[in-house]
Amino acid sequence: MSAQVKNMFDINEQLADDMIAQACIIYIMHVADRKEMKYGFEELHLWDYACQYWLVHARCIEEKQQASPLESLTKKILMDSSNSFLLWRRQYESNQTWGNEWRIGTALYYAAENGLEKTVENILMEKRDVNAQGGRYGNALQAAVQKGNKAVVKLLVENGADMGMHSRQLCRKAMKLLSSCWLKMVQM
């Protein structure tokens, strides 16, 4: 396959991820803005997909570092007190099949868990609590560590995230991720 054809498909994939992520967020916000619902969420055929997968498509765009309206939509949906955030995270968490009960996480937690580095950076610039508790893993740093999101771990630690991990295994994993980040920087 020629380089030109390959590049065309790469661009189309980026465009698809961008448009799908935007459509999912807009759909979630639209549902959240409806004053009354005549039907339950099971009648909203795209609801489950939108809630589960907008993060996947958004991460693909962040990794490519493409400028997009997606950044402002992501910022809107990840406002901790917004109705769309509250509704989205309830659906997102309900689809997880973990047996334990935990306090639902903050916007920073979900951005960190899903490796949205630019979004984490934007949230941290708003001076939100980097050590807020909640979510399956306990807080944003622990979620990023568990998911192996090196750049996010580094960002959180640089912005005051508490390294007092609840388990030695988790602490070792965090140190390993951080040391590999620093090693790459030294090698540059």
Protein backbone atom coordinates (compact mmCIF):
# COMPACT_ATOMS: atom_id res chain seq x y z
CA MET A 1 0.00 0.00 0.00
CA SER A 2 1.38 3.39 -0.92
CA ALA A 3 2.22 5.94 1.75
CA GLN A 4 -0.40 8.32 0.36
CA VAL A 5 -3.19 5.73 0.66
CA LYS A 6 -2.01 4.75 4.16
CA ASN A 7 -2.02 8.40 5.26
CA MET A 8 -5.53 8.86 3.86
CA PHE A 9 -6.81 6.00 6.02
CA ASP A 10 -4.98 7.36 9.08
CA ILE A 11 -6.66 10.73 8.60
CA ASN A 12 -10.07 9.11 8.17
CA GLU A 13 -9.59 7.07 11.35
CA GLN A 14 -8.68 10.22 13.28
CA LEU A 15 -11.69 12.03 11.85
CA ALA A 16 -13.95 9.10 12.75
CA ASP A 17 -12.68 8.96 16.35
CA ASP A 18 -13.06 12.72 16.68
CA MET A 19 -16.59 12.80 15.27
CA ILE A 20 -17.75 9.75 17.24
CA ALA A 21 -16.41 11.15 20.52
CA GLN A 22 -18.07 14.50 19.84
CA ALA A 23 -21.37 12.86 18.87
CA CYS A 24 -21.32 10.71 22.02
CA ILE A 25 -20.72 13.69 24.30
CA ILE A 26 -23.36 15.80 22.57
CA TYR A 27 -25.82 12.90 22.86
CA ILE A 28 -25.11 12.54 26.61
CA MET A 29 -25.50 16.29 27.12
CA HIS A 30 -28.74 16.30 25.13
CA VAL A 31 -30.21 13.48 27.23
CA ALA A 32 -29.09 15.22 30.44
CA ASP A 33 -30.72 18.49 29.35
CA ARG A 34 -34.11 16.92 28.71
CA LYS A 35 -36.47 18.09 31.43
CA GLU A 36 -38.59 14.96 31.45
CA MET A 37 -38.16 11.56 29.94
CA LYS A 38 -41.19 9.65 28.76
CA TYR A 39 -39.11 6.50 28.50
CA GLY A 40 -36.32 4.90 30.48
CA PHE A 41 -32.71 4.78 29.35
CA GLU A 42 -33.32 1.39 27.72
CA GLU A 43 -35.33 3.28 25.07
CA LEU A 44 -32.28 5.41 24.25
CA HIS A 45 -30.47 3.06 21.91
CA LEU A 46 -27.17 4.96 21.77
CA TRP A 47 -27.07 5.80 25.47
CA ASP A 48 -25.01 2.85 26.65
CA TYR A 49 -22.53 3.10 23.76
CA ALA A 50 -22.11 6.85 24.19
CA CYS A 51 -21.47 6.52 27.94
CA GLN A 52 -19.00 3.66 27.61
CA TYR A 53 -17.02 4.61 24.53
CA TRP A 54 -16.70 8.37 24.21
CA LEU A 55 -13.57 8.08 26.36
CA VAL A 56 -12.01 5.51 24.02
CA HIS A 57 -12.50 7.73 20.98
CA ALA A 58 -11.38 10.85 22.87
CA ARG A 59 -8.17 9.11 24.00
CA CYS A 60 -7.34 8.27 20.36
CA ILE A 61 -7.60 11.96 19.46
CA GLU A 62 -5.55 13.09 22.48
CA GLU A 63 -2.83 10.59 21.58
CA LYS A 64 -2.62 12.09 18.08
CA GLN A 65 -2.54 15.57 19.64
CA GLN A 66 -5.03 16.94 17.14
CA ALA A 67 -6.74 20.25 17.81
CA SER A 68 -10.48 19.71 17.87
CA PRO A 69 -13.76 21.00 19.32
CA LEU A 70 -13.64 17.74 21.28
CA GLU A 71 -11.43 19.44 23.87
CA SER A 72 -14.12 21.95 24.83
CA LEU A 73 -16.83 19.27 24.81
CA THR A 74 -14.70 17.08 27.08
CA LYS A 75 -14.25 20.02 29.41
CA LYS A 76 -18.03 20.58 29.50
CA ILE A 77 -18.96 16.98 30.24
CA LEU A 78 -16.27 16.63 32.92
CA MET A 79 -17.60 19.41 35.13
CA ASP A 80 -18.08 17.63 38.46
CA SER A 81 -21.43 19.21 39.29
CA SER A 82 -23.01 19.26 35.83
CA ASN A 83 -26.10 17.15 35.23
CA SER A 84 -24.49 15.55 32.16
CA PHE A 85 -21.44 14.47 34.21
CA LEU A 86 -23.59 13.05 37.00
CA LEU A 87 -25.82 11.15 34.58
CA TRP A 88 -22.89 9.93 32.47
CA ARG A 89 -20.81 8.64 35.37
CA ARG A 90 -23.80 6.81 36.87
CA GLN A 91 -24.30 4.94 33.58
CA TYR A 92 -20.54 4.43 33.09
CA GLU A 93 -20.16 2.93 36.57
CA SER A 94 -23.32 0.81 36.26
CA ASN A 95 -21.76 -1.03 33.32
CA GLN A 96 -18.70 -2.00 35.34
CA THR A 97 -19.05 -5.48 36.81
CA TRP A 98 -16.97 -5.09 39.92
CA GLY A 99 -18.47 -6.57 43.06
CA ASN A 100 -17.39 -3.86 45.50
CA GLU A 101 -19.20 -0.67 46.40
CA TRP A 102 -17.17 2.53 46.26
CA ARG A 103 -17.73 6.24 46.13
CA ILE A 104 -18.12 7.44 42.56
CA GLY A 105 -15.10 9.37 41.30
CA THR A 106 -14.52 12.93 40.18
CA ALA A 107 -13.92 14.20 36.66
CA LEU A 108 -10.18 14.13 37.37
CA TYR A 109 -10.46 10.50 38.43
CA TYR A 110 -12.15 9.40 35.18
CA ALA A 111 -9.78 11.42 33.00
CA ALA A 112 -6.78 9.88 34.81
CA GLU A 113 -8.21 6.36 34.72
CA ASN A 114 -8.75 6.62 30.97
CA GLY A 115 -5.38 8.18 30.15
CA LEU A 116 -6.69 11.55 28.94
CA GLU A 117 -3.44 13.42 29.58
CA LYS A 118 -4.46 16.78 28.08
CA THR A 119 -7.79 16.66 29.92
CA VAL A 120 -6.03 15.87 33.22
CA GLU A 121 -3.73 18.82 32.59
CA ASN A 122 -6.72 21.12 31.93
CA ILE A 123 -8.53 19.92 35.06
CA LEU A 124 -5.41 20.47 37.18
CA MET A 125 -5.12 24.03 35.83
CA GLU A 126 -8.60 24.64 37.28
CA LYS A 127 -7.13 23.83 40.73
CA ARG A 128 -9.47 20.93 41.44
CA ASP A 129 -8.53 18.61 44.31
CA VAL A 130 -5.81 16.29 43.00
CA ASN A 131 -6.30 13.97 45.99
CA ALA A 132 -10.11 13.73 45.92
CA GLN A 133 -11.28 10.28 46.97
CA GLY A 134 -13.65 8.14 44.93
CA GLY A 135 -13.79 5.65 42.11
CA ARG A 136 -12.88 1.98 41.92
CA TYR A 137 -9.18 2.58 42.66
CA GLY A 138 -9.64 5.23 45.35
CA ASN A 139 -8.33 8.38 43.65
CA ALA A 140 -6.98 9.73 40.36
CA LEU A 141 -3.35 8.77 41.02
CA GLN A 142 -4.18 5.20 41.95
CA ALA A 143 -6.42 4.87 38.87
CA ALA A 144 -3.65 6.15 36.59
CA VAL A 145 -1.14 3.80 38.23
CA GLN A 146 -3.44 0.79 37.89
CA LYS A 147 -4.05 1.56 34.21
CA GLY A 148 -0.35 2.20 33.53
CA ASN A 149 -0.85 5.79 32.34
CA LYS A 150 2.73 7.03 32.86
CA ALA A 151 2.31 10.59 31.65
CA VAL A 152 -0.82 11.04 33.76
CA VAL A 153 0.92 9.63 36.86
CA LYS A 154 3.78 12.08 36.32
CA LEU A 155 1.36 15.01 35.91
CA LEU A 156 -0.56 14.11 39.05
CA VAL A 157 2.57 13.72 41.18
CA GLU A 158 3.99 17.01 39.88
CA ASN A 159 0.73 18.66 40.92
CA GLY A 160 0.77 17.37 44.48
CA ALA A 161 -0.95 13.98 44.32
CA ASP A 162 -0.40 12.10 47.57
CA MET A 163 1.95 9.16 47.03
CA GLY A 164 0.69 7.48 50.23
CA MET A 165 -0.58 4.41 48.40
CA HIS A 166 -2.78 1.93 50.24
CA SER A 167 -0.75 -1.07 49.20
CA ARG A 168 2.93 -1.77 48.70
CA GLN A 169 2.26 -3.38 45.32
CA LEU A 170 0.51 -0.24 44.07
CA CYS A 171 3.29 1.96 45.44
CA ARG A 172 5.94 -0.13 43.66
CA LYS A 173 3.98 0.10 40.42
CA ALA A 174 3.76 3.91 40.77
CA MET A 175 7.49 4.19 41.41
CA LYS A 176 8.24 1.99 38.41
CA LEU A 177 6.04 4.15 36.16
CA LEU A 178 7.61 7.35 37.45
CA SER A 179 11.16 6.05 37.13
CA SER A 180 10.55 5.05 33.50
CA CYS A 181 9.21 8.59 32.82
CA TRP A 182 12.30 10.18 34.35
CA LEU A 183 14.61 7.76 32.51
CA LYS A 184 13.08 8.76 29.16
CA MET A 185 13.54 12.44 30.02
CA VAL A 186 17.20 11.90 30.93
CA GLN A 187 17.82 9.98 27.70
CA MET A 188 16.42 12.89 25.64
